[in-house]
Amino acid sequence: MKLSSRARYALRFMLEIAKHSDGITPVSLSLAAKTGGMPRRYLEQLAIGLKSAGLVRGVSGKVGGYHLTRPPAEIRIGDIVQAAIGPVSG
């Protein structure tokens, strides 16, 4: 299966949150963009879909960023792809 750029970036974004999360301090878009080699503006757009799907929770403020809403082992790749690009048939 070939994934779209949007789906690949969403997967990478979620991976960066999982890698850098300590459960207390949210992972900023800037950190995820820098360590994952992704454009920050693109991640801003992806975060909206991931929040709507209930996969991440945003924290506002100076030290704001994103937390996963459940443990990484409970998040399926299909959930992330669907949040990024919509329903997948097959």
PDB file of N, CA and C in Angstrom:
ATOM      1  N   MET A   1       0.846  -1.170   0.000  1.00  0.00           N
ATOM      2  CA  MET A   1       0.000   0.000   0.000  1.00  0.00           C
ATOM      3  C   MET A   1       0.896   1.240   0.000  1.00  0.00           C
ATOM      4  N   LYS A   2       0.595   2.144  -0.887  1.00  0.00           N
ATOM      5  CA  LYS A   2       1.349   3.385  -0.964  1.00  0.00           C
ATOM      6  C   LYS A   2       0.589   4.460  -0.180  1.00  0.00           C
ATOM      7  N   LEU A   3       1.292   5.121   0.728  1.00  0.00           N
ATOM      8  CA  LEU A   3       0.670   6.154   1.546  1.00  0.00           C
ATOM      9  C   LEU A   3       0.930   7.532   0.966  1.00  0.00           C
ATOM     10  N   SER A   4      -0.025   8.412   1.143  1.00  0.00           N
ATOM     11  CA  SER A   4       0.141   9.793   0.701  1.00  0.00           C
ATOM     12  C   SER A   4       1.141  10.504   1.609  1.00  0.00           C
ATOM     13  N   SER A   5       1.641  11.627   1.136  1.00  0.00           N
ATOM     14  CA  SER A   5       2.560  12.430   1.948  1.00  0.00           C
ATOM     15  C   SER A   5       1.893  12.838   3.251  1.00  0.00           C
ATOM     16  N   ARG A   6       0.634  13.201   3.173  1.00  0.00           N
ATOM     17  CA  ARG A   6      -0.106  13.619   4.365  1.00  0.00           C
ATOM     18  C   ARG A   6      -0.139  12.495   5.402  1.00  0.00           C
ATOM     19  N   ALA A   7      -0.399  11.282   4.968  1.00  0.00           N
ATOM     20  CA  ALA A   7      -0.445  10.140   5.885  1.00  0.00           C
ATOM     21  C   ALA A   7       0.940   9.851   6.460  1.00  0.00           C
ATOM     22  N   ARG A   8       1.966   9.919   5.628  1.00  0.00           N
ATOM     23  CA  ARG A   8       3.330   9.673   6.110  1.00  0.00           C
ATOM     24  C   ARG A   8       3.748  10.711   7.149  1.00  0.00           C
ATOM     25  N   TYR A   9       3.445  11.975   6.894  1.00  0.00           N
ATOM     26  CA  TYR A   9       3.780  13.021   7.853  1.00  0.00           C
ATOM     27  C   TYR A   9       2.994  12.839   9.158  1.00  0.00           C
ATOM     28  N   ALA A  10       1.742  12.445   9.073  1.00  0.00           N
ATOM     29  CA  ALA A  10       0.948  12.214  10.281  1.00  0.00           C
ATOM     30  C   ALA A  10       1.552  11.089  11.113  1.00  0.00           C
ATOM     31  N   LEU A  11       1.979  10.030  10.457  1.00  0.00           N
ATOM     32  CA  LEU A  11       2.625   8.922  11.168  1.00  0.00           C
ATOM     33  C   LEU A  11       3.922   9.375  11.830  1.00  0.00           C
ATOM     34  N   ARG A  12       4.715  10.140  11.102  1.00  0.00           N
ATOM     35  CA  ARG A  12       5.978  10.645  11.652  1.00  0.00           C
ATOM     36  C   ARG A  12       5.735  11.599  12.816  1.00  0.00           C
ATOM     37  N   PHE A  13       4.701  12.440  12.696  1.00  0.00           N
ATOM     38  CA  PHE A  13       4.365  13.377  13.758  1.00  0.00           C
ATOM     39  C   PHE A  13       3.981  12.622  15.031  1.00  0.00           C
ATOM     40  N   MET A  14       3.137  11.615  14.894  1.00  0.00           N
ATOM     41  CA  MET A  14       2.728  10.827  16.055  1.00  0.00           C
ATOM     42  C   MET A  14       3.925  10.094  16.663  1.00  0.00           C
ATOM     43  N   LEU A  15       4.825   9.625  15.831  1.00  0.00           N
ATOM     44  CA  LEU A  15       6.023   8.957  16.319  1.00  0.00           C
ATOM     45  C   LEU A  15       6.892   9.922  17.118  1.00  0.00           C
ATOM     46  N   GLU A  16       7.040  11.142  16.637  1.00  0.00           N
ATOM     47  CA  GLU A  16       7.838  12.141  17.355  1.00  0.00           C
ATOM     48  C   GLU A  16       7.209  12.475  18.703  1.00  0.00           C
ATOM     49  N   ILE A  17       5.889  12.575  18.746  1.00  0.00           N
ATOM     50  CA  ILE A  17       5.225  12.846  20.026  1.00  0.00           C
ATOM     51  C   ILE A  17       5.490  11.685  20.984  1.00  0.00           C
ATOM     52  N   ALA A  18       5.353  10.468  20.495  1.00  0.00           N
ATOM     53  CA  ALA A  18       5.568   9.292  21.343  1.00  0.00           C
ATOM     54  C   ALA A  18       7.016   9.220  21.833  1.00  0.00           C
ATOM     55  N   LYS A  19       7.971   9.535  20.971  1.00  0.00           N
ATOM     56  CA  LYS A  19       9.388   9.457  21.349  1.00  0.00           C
ATOM     57  C   LYS A  19       9.775  10.504  22.380  1.00  0.00           C
ATOM     58  N   HIS A  20       9.228  11.706  22.267  1.00  0.00           N
ATOM     59  CA  HIS A  20       9.669  12.810  23.110  1.00  0.00           C
ATOM     60  C   HIS A  20       8.755  13.083  24.296  1.00  0.00           C
ATOM     61  N   SER A  21       7.670  12.355  24.406  1.00  0.00           N
ATOM     62  CA  SER A  21       6.717  12.594  25.482  1.00  0.00           C
ATOM     63  C   SER A  21       7.202  11.953  26.776  1.00  0.00           C
ATOM     64  N   ASP A  22       7.086  12.736  27.854  1.00  0.00           N
ATOM     65  CA  ASP A  22       7.378  12.184  29.171  1.00  0.00           C
ATOM     66  C   ASP A  22       6.096  12.036  29.987  1.00  0.00           C
ATOM     67  N   GLY A  23       4.957  12.324  29.352  1.00  0.00           N
ATOM     68  CA  GLY A  23       3.677  12.213  30.021  1.00  0.00           C
ATOM     69  C   GLY A  23       3.273  13.462  30.789  1.00  0.00           C
ATOM     70  N   ILE A  24       4.208  14.384  30.963  1.00  0.00           N
ATOM     71  CA  ILE A  24       3.925  15.608  31.713  1.00  0.00           C
ATOM     72  C   ILE A  24       4.041  16.830  30.809  1.00  0.00           C
ATOM     73  N   THR A  25       5.196  16.992  30.191  1.00  0.00           N
ATOM     74  CA  THR A  25       5.448  18.140  29.326  1.00  0.00           C
ATOM     75  C   THR A  25       4.971  17.832  27.912  1.00  0.00           C
ATOM     76  N   PRO A  26       4.132  18.699  27.348  1.00  0.00           N
ATOM     77  CA  PRO A  26       3.678  18.445  25.974  1.00  0.00           C
ATOM     78  C   PRO A  26       4.822  18.618  24.964  1.00  0.00           C
ATOM     79  N   VAL A  27       4.705  17.927  23.854  1.00  0.00           N
ATOM     80  CA  VAL A  27       5.710  18.002  22.788  1.00  0.00           C
ATOM     81  C   VAL A  27       5.280  19.122  21.831  1.00  0.00           C
ATOM     82  N   SER A  28       6.139  20.110  21.665  1.00  0.00           N
ATOM     83  CA  SER A  28       5.808  21.253  20.814  1.00  0.00           C
ATOM     84  C   SER A  28       5.892  20.882  19.339  1.00  0.00           C
ATOM     85  N   LEU A  29       5.153  21.629  18.526  1.00  0.00           N
ATOM     86  CA  LEU A  29       5.231  21.438  17.076  1.00  0.00           C
ATOM     87  C   LEU A  29       6.641  21.714  16.583  1.00  0.00           C
ATOM     88  N   SER A  30       7.284  22.721  17.160  1.00  0.00           N
ATOM     89  CA  SER A  30       8.642  23.068  16.729  1.00  0.00           C
ATOM     90  C   SER A  30       9.604  21.915  16.965  1.00  0.00           C
ATOM     91  N   LEU A  31       9.526  21.286  18.126  1.00  0.00           N
ATOM     92  CA  LEU A  31      10.405  20.159  18.426  1.00  0.00           C
ATOM     93  C   LEU A  31      10.124  18.989  17.489  1.00  0.00           C
ATOM     94  N   ALA A  32       8.852  18.656  17.307  1.00  0.00           N
ATOM     95  CA  ALA A  32       8.489  17.543  16.425  1.00  0.00           C
ATOM     96  C   ALA A  32       8.938  17.822  14.995  1.00  0.00           C
ATOM     97  N   ALA A  33       8.782  19.068  14.546  1.00  0.00           N
ATOM     98  CA  ALA A  33       9.186  19.429  13.188  1.00  0.00           C
ATOM     99  C   ALA A  33      10.694  19.321  13.022  1.00  0.00           C
ATOM    100  N   LYS A  34      11.429  19.833  14.004  1.00  0.00           N
ATOM    101  CA  LYS A  34      12.888  19.835  13.898  1.00  0.00           C
ATOM    102  C   LYS A  34      13.463  18.427  13.960  1.00  0.00           C
ATOM    103  N   THR A  35      13.049  17.646  14.957  1.00  0.00           N
ATOM    104  CA  THR A  35      13.611  16.306  15.110  1.00  0.00           C
ATOM    105  C   THR A  35      13.121  15.336  14.043  1.00  0.00           C
ATOM    106  N   GLY A  36      11.926  15.593  13.507  1.00  0.00           N
ATOM    107  CA  GLY A  36      11.378  14.705  12.481  1.00  0.00           C
ATOM    108  C   GLY A  36      11.656  15.155  11.059  1.00  0.00           C
ATOM    109  N   GLY A  37      12.279  16.333  10.912  1.00  0.00           N
ATOM    110  CA  GLY A  37      12.586  16.839   9.579  1.00  0.00           C
ATOM    111  C   GLY A  37      11.337  17.152   8.765  1.00  0.00           C
ATOM    112  N   MET A  38      10.344  17.770   9.418  1.00  0.00           N
ATOM    113  CA  MET A  38       9.084  18.069   8.755  1.00  0.00           C
ATOM    114  C   MET A  38       8.778  19.556   8.854  1.00  0.00           C
ATOM    115  N   PRO A  39       8.014  20.093   7.907  1.00  0.00           N
ATOM    116  CA  PRO A  39       7.631  21.504   7.984  1.00  0.00           C
ATOM    117  C   PRO A  39       6.629  21.748   9.120  1.00  0.00           C
ATOM    118  N   ARG A  40       6.891  22.740   9.946  1.00  0.00           N
ATOM    119  CA  ARG A  40       6.020  23.050  11.090  1.00  0.00           C
ATOM    120  C   ARG A  40       4.607  23.411  10.645  1.00  0.00           C
ATOM    121  N   ARG A  41       4.491  24.197   9.598  1.00  0.00           N
ATOM    122  CA  ARG A  41       3.159  24.609   9.131  1.00  0.00           C
ATOM    123  C   ARG A  41       2.321  23.400   8.705  1.00  0.00           C
ATOM    124  N   TYR A  42       2.958  22.426   8.120  1.00  0.00           N
ATOM    125  CA  TYR A  42       2.237  21.223   7.706  1.00  0.00           C
ATOM    126  C   TYR A  42       1.745  20.465   8.937  1.00  0.00           C
ATOM    127  N   LEU A  43       2.572  20.413   9.967  1.00  0.00           N
ATOM    128  CA  LEU A  43       2.171  19.726  11.191  1.00  0.00           C
ATOM    129  C   LEU A  43       1.002  20.432  11.864  1.00  0.00           C
ATOM    130  N   GLU A  44       0.957  21.747  11.759  1.00  0.00           N
ATOM    131  CA  GLU A  44      -0.180  22.492  12.315  1.00  0.00           C
ATOM    132  C   GLU A  44      -1.485  22.007  11.697  1.00  0.00           C
ATOM    133  N   GLN A  45      -1.476  21.792  10.396  1.00  0.00           N
ATOM    134  CA  GLN A  45      -2.671  21.316   9.700  1.00  0.00           C
ATOM    135  C   GLN A  45      -3.015  19.879  10.106  1.00  0.00           C
ATOM    136  N   LEU A  46      -2.007  19.037  10.203  1.00  0.00           N
ATOM    137  CA  LEU A  46      -2.239  17.644  10.579  1.00  0.00           C
ATOM    138  C   LEU A  46      -2.769  17.522  12.001  1.00  0.00           C
ATOM    139  N   ALA A  47      -2.287  18.384  12.885  1.00  0.00           N
ATOM    140  CA  ALA A  47      -2.695  18.324  14.290  1.00  0.00           C
ATOM    141  C   ALA A  47      -4.205  18.502  14.436  1.00  0.00           C
ATOM    142  N   ILE A  48      -4.800  19.300  13.567  1.00  0.00           N
ATOM    143  CA  ILE A  48      -6.257  19.518  13.635  1.00  0.00           C
ATOM    144  C   ILE A  48      -7.007  18.196  13.436  1.00  0.00           C
ATOM    145  N   GLY A  49      -6.637  17.446  12.410  1.00  0.00           N
ATOM    146  CA  GLY A  49      -7.286  16.163  12.148  1.00  0.00           C
ATOM    147  C   GLY A  49      -7.018  15.133  13.230  1.00  0.00           C
ATOM    148  N   LEU A  50      -5.798  15.131  13.746  1.00  0.00           N
ATOM    149  CA  LEU A  50      -5.446  14.183  14.800  1.00  0.00           C
ATOM    150  C   LEU A  50      -6.184  14.508  16.097  1.00  0.00           C
ATOM    151  N   LYS A  51      -6.382  15.801  16.375  1.00  0.00           N
ATOM    152  CA  LYS A  51      -7.162  16.202  17.549  1.00  0.00           C
ATOM    153  C   LYS A  51      -8.625  15.810  17.374  1.00  0.00           C
ATOM    154  N   SER A  52      -9.171  16.051  16.191  1.00  0.00           N
ATOM    155  CA  SER A  52     -10.574  15.706  15.923  1.00  0.00           C
ATOM    156  C   SER A  52     -10.822  14.210  16.071  1.00  0.00           C
ATOM    157  N   ALA A  53      -9.827  13.415  15.715  1.00  0.00           N
ATOM    158  CA  ALA A  53      -9.952  11.959  15.809  1.00  0.00           C
ATOM    159  C   ALA A  53      -9.699  11.454  17.231  1.00  0.00           C
ATOM    160  N   GLY A  54      -9.319  12.363  18.136  1.00  0.00           N
ATOM    161  CA  GLY A  54      -9.082  11.971  19.521  1.00  0.00           C
ATOM    162  C   GLY A  54      -7.764  11.259  19.748  1.00  0.00           C
ATOM    163  N   LEU A  55      -6.803  11.452  18.847  1.00  0.00           N
ATOM    164  CA  LEU A  55      -5.501  10.798  18.991  1.00  0.00           C
ATOM    165  C   LEU A  55      -4.501  11.641  19.763  1.00  0.00           C
ATOM    166  N   VAL A  56      -4.643  12.960  19.694  1.00  0.00           N
ATOM    167  CA  VAL A  56      -3.768  13.856  20.446  1.00  0.00           C
ATOM    168  C   VAL A  56      -4.620  14.889  21.174  1.00  0.00           C
ATOM    169  N   ARG A  57      -4.027  15.452  22.212  1.00  0.00           N
ATOM    170  CA  ARG A  57      -4.675  16.514  22.985  1.00  0.00           C
ATOM    171  C   ARG A  57      -3.716  17.684  22.996  1.00  0.00           C
ATOM    172  N   GLY A  58      -4.227  18.847  22.630  1.00  0.00           N
ATOM    173  CA  GLY A  58      -3.407  20.047  22.587  1.00  0.00           C
ATOM    174  C   GLY A  58      -3.393  20.772  23.917  1.00  0.00           C
ATOM    175  N   VAL A  59      -2.242  21.385  24.229  1.00  0.00           N
ATOM    176  CA  VAL A  59      -2.081  22.195  25.429  1.00  0.00           C
ATOM    177  C   VAL A  59      -1.654  23.576  24.970  1.00  0.00           C
ATOM    178  N   SER A  60      -2.406  24.597  25.359  1.00  0.00           N
ATOM    179  CA  SER A  60      -2.099  25.973  24.956  1.00  0.00           C
ATOM    180  C   SER A  60      -1.074  26.600  25.891  1.00  0.00           C
ATOM    181  N   GLY A  61      -0.490  27.685  25.412  1.00  0.00           N
ATOM    182  CA  GLY A  61       0.397  28.455  26.266  1.00  0.00           C
ATOM    183  C   GLY A  61       1.841  28.422  25.828  1.00  0.00           C
ATOM    184  N   LYS A  62       2.652  29.073  26.623  1.00  0.00           N
ATOM    185  CA  LYS A  62       4.067  29.213  26.305  1.00  0.00           C
ATOM    186  C   LYS A  62       4.779  27.858  26.205  1.00  0.00           C
ATOM    187  N   VAL A  63       4.427  26.949  27.069  1.00  0.00           N
ATOM    188  CA  VAL A  63       5.032  25.615  27.032  1.00  0.00           C
ATOM    189  C   VAL A  63       4.040  24.598  26.471  1.00  0.00           C
ATOM    190  N   GLY A  64       3.202  25.049  25.546  1.00  0.00           N
ATOM    191  CA  GLY A  64       2.179  24.197  24.965  1.00  0.00           C
ATOM    192  C   GLY A  64       2.735  23.201  23.965  1.00  0.00           C
ATOM    193  N   GLY A  65       1.858  22.328  23.539  1.00  0.00           N
ATOM    194  CA  GLY A  65       2.229  21.306  22.571  1.00  0.00           C
ATOM    195  C   GLY A  65       1.162  20.222  22.549  1.00  0.00           C
ATOM    196  N   TYR A  66       1.587  18.997  22.342  1.00  0.00           N
ATOM    197  CA  TYR A  66       0.643  17.891  22.183  1.00  0.00           C
ATOM    198  C   TYR A  66       1.047  16.678  23.014  1.00  0.00           C
ATOM    199  N   HIS A  67       0.019  16.002  23.506  1.00  0.00           N
ATOM    200  CA  HIS A  67       0.147  14.726  24.211  1.00  0.00           C
ATOM    201  C   HIS A  67      -0.649  13.697  23.428  1.00  0.00           C
ATOM    202  N   LEU A  68      -0.229  12.454  23.485  1.00  0.00           N
ATOM    203  CA  LEU A  68      -1.054  11.363  22.973  1.00  0.00           C
ATOM    204  C   LEU A  68      -2.186  11.148  23.961  1.00  0.00           C
ATOM    205  N   THR A  69      -3.351  10.794  23.476  1.00  0.00           N
ATOM    206  CA  THR A  69      -4.492  10.598  24.365  1.00  0.00           C
ATOM    207  C   THR A  69      -4.536   9.196  24.966  1.00  0.00           C
ATOM    208  N   ARG A  70      -3.747   8.287  24.400  1.00  0.00           N
ATOM    209  CA  ARG A  70      -3.652   6.933  24.940  1.00  0.00           C
ATOM    210  C   ARG A  70      -2.214   6.440  24.762  1.00  0.00           C
ATOM    211  N   PRO A  71      -1.870   5.336  25.410  1.00  0.00           N
ATOM    212  CA  PRO A  71      -0.520   4.798  25.243  1.00  0.00           C
ATOM    213  C   PRO A  71      -0.233   4.470  23.770  1.00  0.00           C
ATOM    214  N   PRO A  72       1.008   4.666  23.327  1.00  0.00           N
ATOM    215  CA  PRO A  72       1.342   4.407  21.917  1.00  0.00           C
ATOM    216  C   PRO A  72       0.962   3.009  21.439  1.00  0.00           C
ATOM    217  N   ALA A  73       1.072   2.020  22.292  1.00  0.00           N
ATOM    218  CA  ALA A  73       0.756   0.639  21.899  1.00  0.00           C
ATOM    219  C   ALA A  73      -0.722   0.455  21.565  1.00  0.00           C
ATOM    220  N   GLU A  74      -1.567   1.370  22.028  1.00  0.00           N
ATOM    221  CA  GLU A  74      -2.999   1.259  21.779  1.00  0.00           C
ATOM    222  C   GLU A  74      -3.455   2.044  20.548  1.00  0.00           C
ATOM    223  N   ILE A  75      -2.544   2.756  19.912  1.00  0.00           N
ATOM    224  CA  ILE A  75      -2.891   3.553  18.737  1.00  0.00           C
ATOM    225  C   ILE A  75      -2.510   2.766  17.490  1.00  0.00           C
ATOM    226  N   ARG A  76      -3.460   2.561  16.622  1.00  0.00           N
ATOM    227  CA  ARG A  76      -3.230   1.793  15.395  1.00  0.00           C
ATOM    228  C   ARG A  76      -2.843   2.722  14.247  1.00  0.00           C
ATOM    229  N   ILE A  77      -2.012   2.201  13.367  1.00  0.00           N
ATOM    230  CA  ILE A  77      -1.579   2.974  12.204  1.00  0.00           C
ATOM    231  C   ILE A  77      -2.788   3.395  11.374  1.00  0.00           C
ATOM    232  N   GLY A  78      -3.752   2.520  11.234  1.00  0.00           N
ATOM    233  CA  GLY A  78      -4.959   2.832  10.472  1.00  0.00           C
ATOM    234  C   GLY A  78      -5.719   4.021  11.044  1.00  0.00           C
ATOM    235  N   ASP A  79      -5.722   4.141  12.369  1.00  0.00           N
ATOM    236  CA  ASP A  79      -6.386   5.284  13.006  1.00  0.00           C
ATOM    237  C   ASP A  79      -5.711   6.593  12.604  1.00  0.00           C
ATOM    238  N   ILE A  80      -4.397   6.576  12.575  1.00  0.00           N
ATOM    239  CA  ILE A  80      -3.629   7.776  12.225  1.00  0.00           C
ATOM    240  C   ILE A  80      -3.849   8.133  10.758  1.00  0.00           C
ATOM    241  N   VAL A  81      -3.783   7.136   9.887  1.00  0.00           N
ATOM    242  CA  VAL A  81      -3.977   7.368   8.453  1.00  0.00           C
ATOM    243  C   VAL A  81      -5.377   7.909   8.192  1.00  0.00           C
ATOM    244  N   GLN A  82      -6.381   7.333   8.822  1.00  0.00           N
ATOM    245  CA  GLN A  82      -7.747   7.812   8.622  1.00  0.00           C
ATOM    246  C   GLN A  82      -7.934   9.236   9.144  1.00  0.00           C
ATOM    247  N   ALA A  83      -7.275   9.571  10.244  1.00  0.00           N
ATOM    248  CA  ALA A  83      -7.364  10.937  10.760  1.00  0.00           C
ATOM    249  C   ALA A  83      -6.731  11.924   9.806  1.00  0.00           C
ATOM    250  N   ALA A  84      -5.696  11.486   9.094  1.00  0.00           N
ATOM    251  CA  ALA A  84      -4.966  12.375   8.182  1.00  0.00           C
ATOM    252  C   ALA A  84      -5.653  12.519   6.835  1.00  0.00           C
ATOM    253  N   ILE A  85      -6.154  11.411   6.277  1.00  0.00           N
ATOM    254  CA  ILE A  85      -6.663  11.486   4.902  1.00  0.00           C
ATOM    255  C   ILE A  85      -8.120  11.097   4.752  1.00  0.00           C
ATOM    256  N   GLY A  86      -8.745  10.630   5.813  1.00  0.00           N
ATOM    257  CA  GLY A  86     -10.139  10.208   5.718  1.00  0.00           C
ATOM    258  C   GLY A  86     -10.251   8.698   5.630  1.00  0.00           C
ATOM    259  N   PRO A  87     -11.467   8.196   5.476  1.00  0.00           N
ATOM    260  CA  PRO A  87     -11.694   6.747   5.444  1.00  0.00           C
ATOM    261  C   PRO A  87     -10.892   6.050   4.331  1.00  0.00           C
ATOM    262  N   VAL A  88     -10.373   4.884   4.671  1.00  0.00           N
ATOM    263  CA  VAL A  88      -9.599   4.098   3.721  1.00  0.00           C
ATOM    264  C   VAL A  88     -10.382   2.828   3.414  1.00  0.00           C
ATOM    265  N   SER A  89     -10.603   2.552   2.154  1.00  0.00           N
ATOM    266  CA  SER A  89     -11.308   1.325   1.781  1.00  0.00           C
ATOM    267  C   SER A  89     -10.307   0.237   1.517  1.00  0.00           C
ATOM    268  N   GLY A  90     -10.716  -0.979   1.711  1.00  0.00           N
ATOM    269  CA  GLY A  90      -9.839  -2.075   1.371  1.00  0.00           C
ATOM    270  C   GLY A  90      -9.723  -3.019   2.434  1.00  0.00           C
TER     271      GLY A  90
END
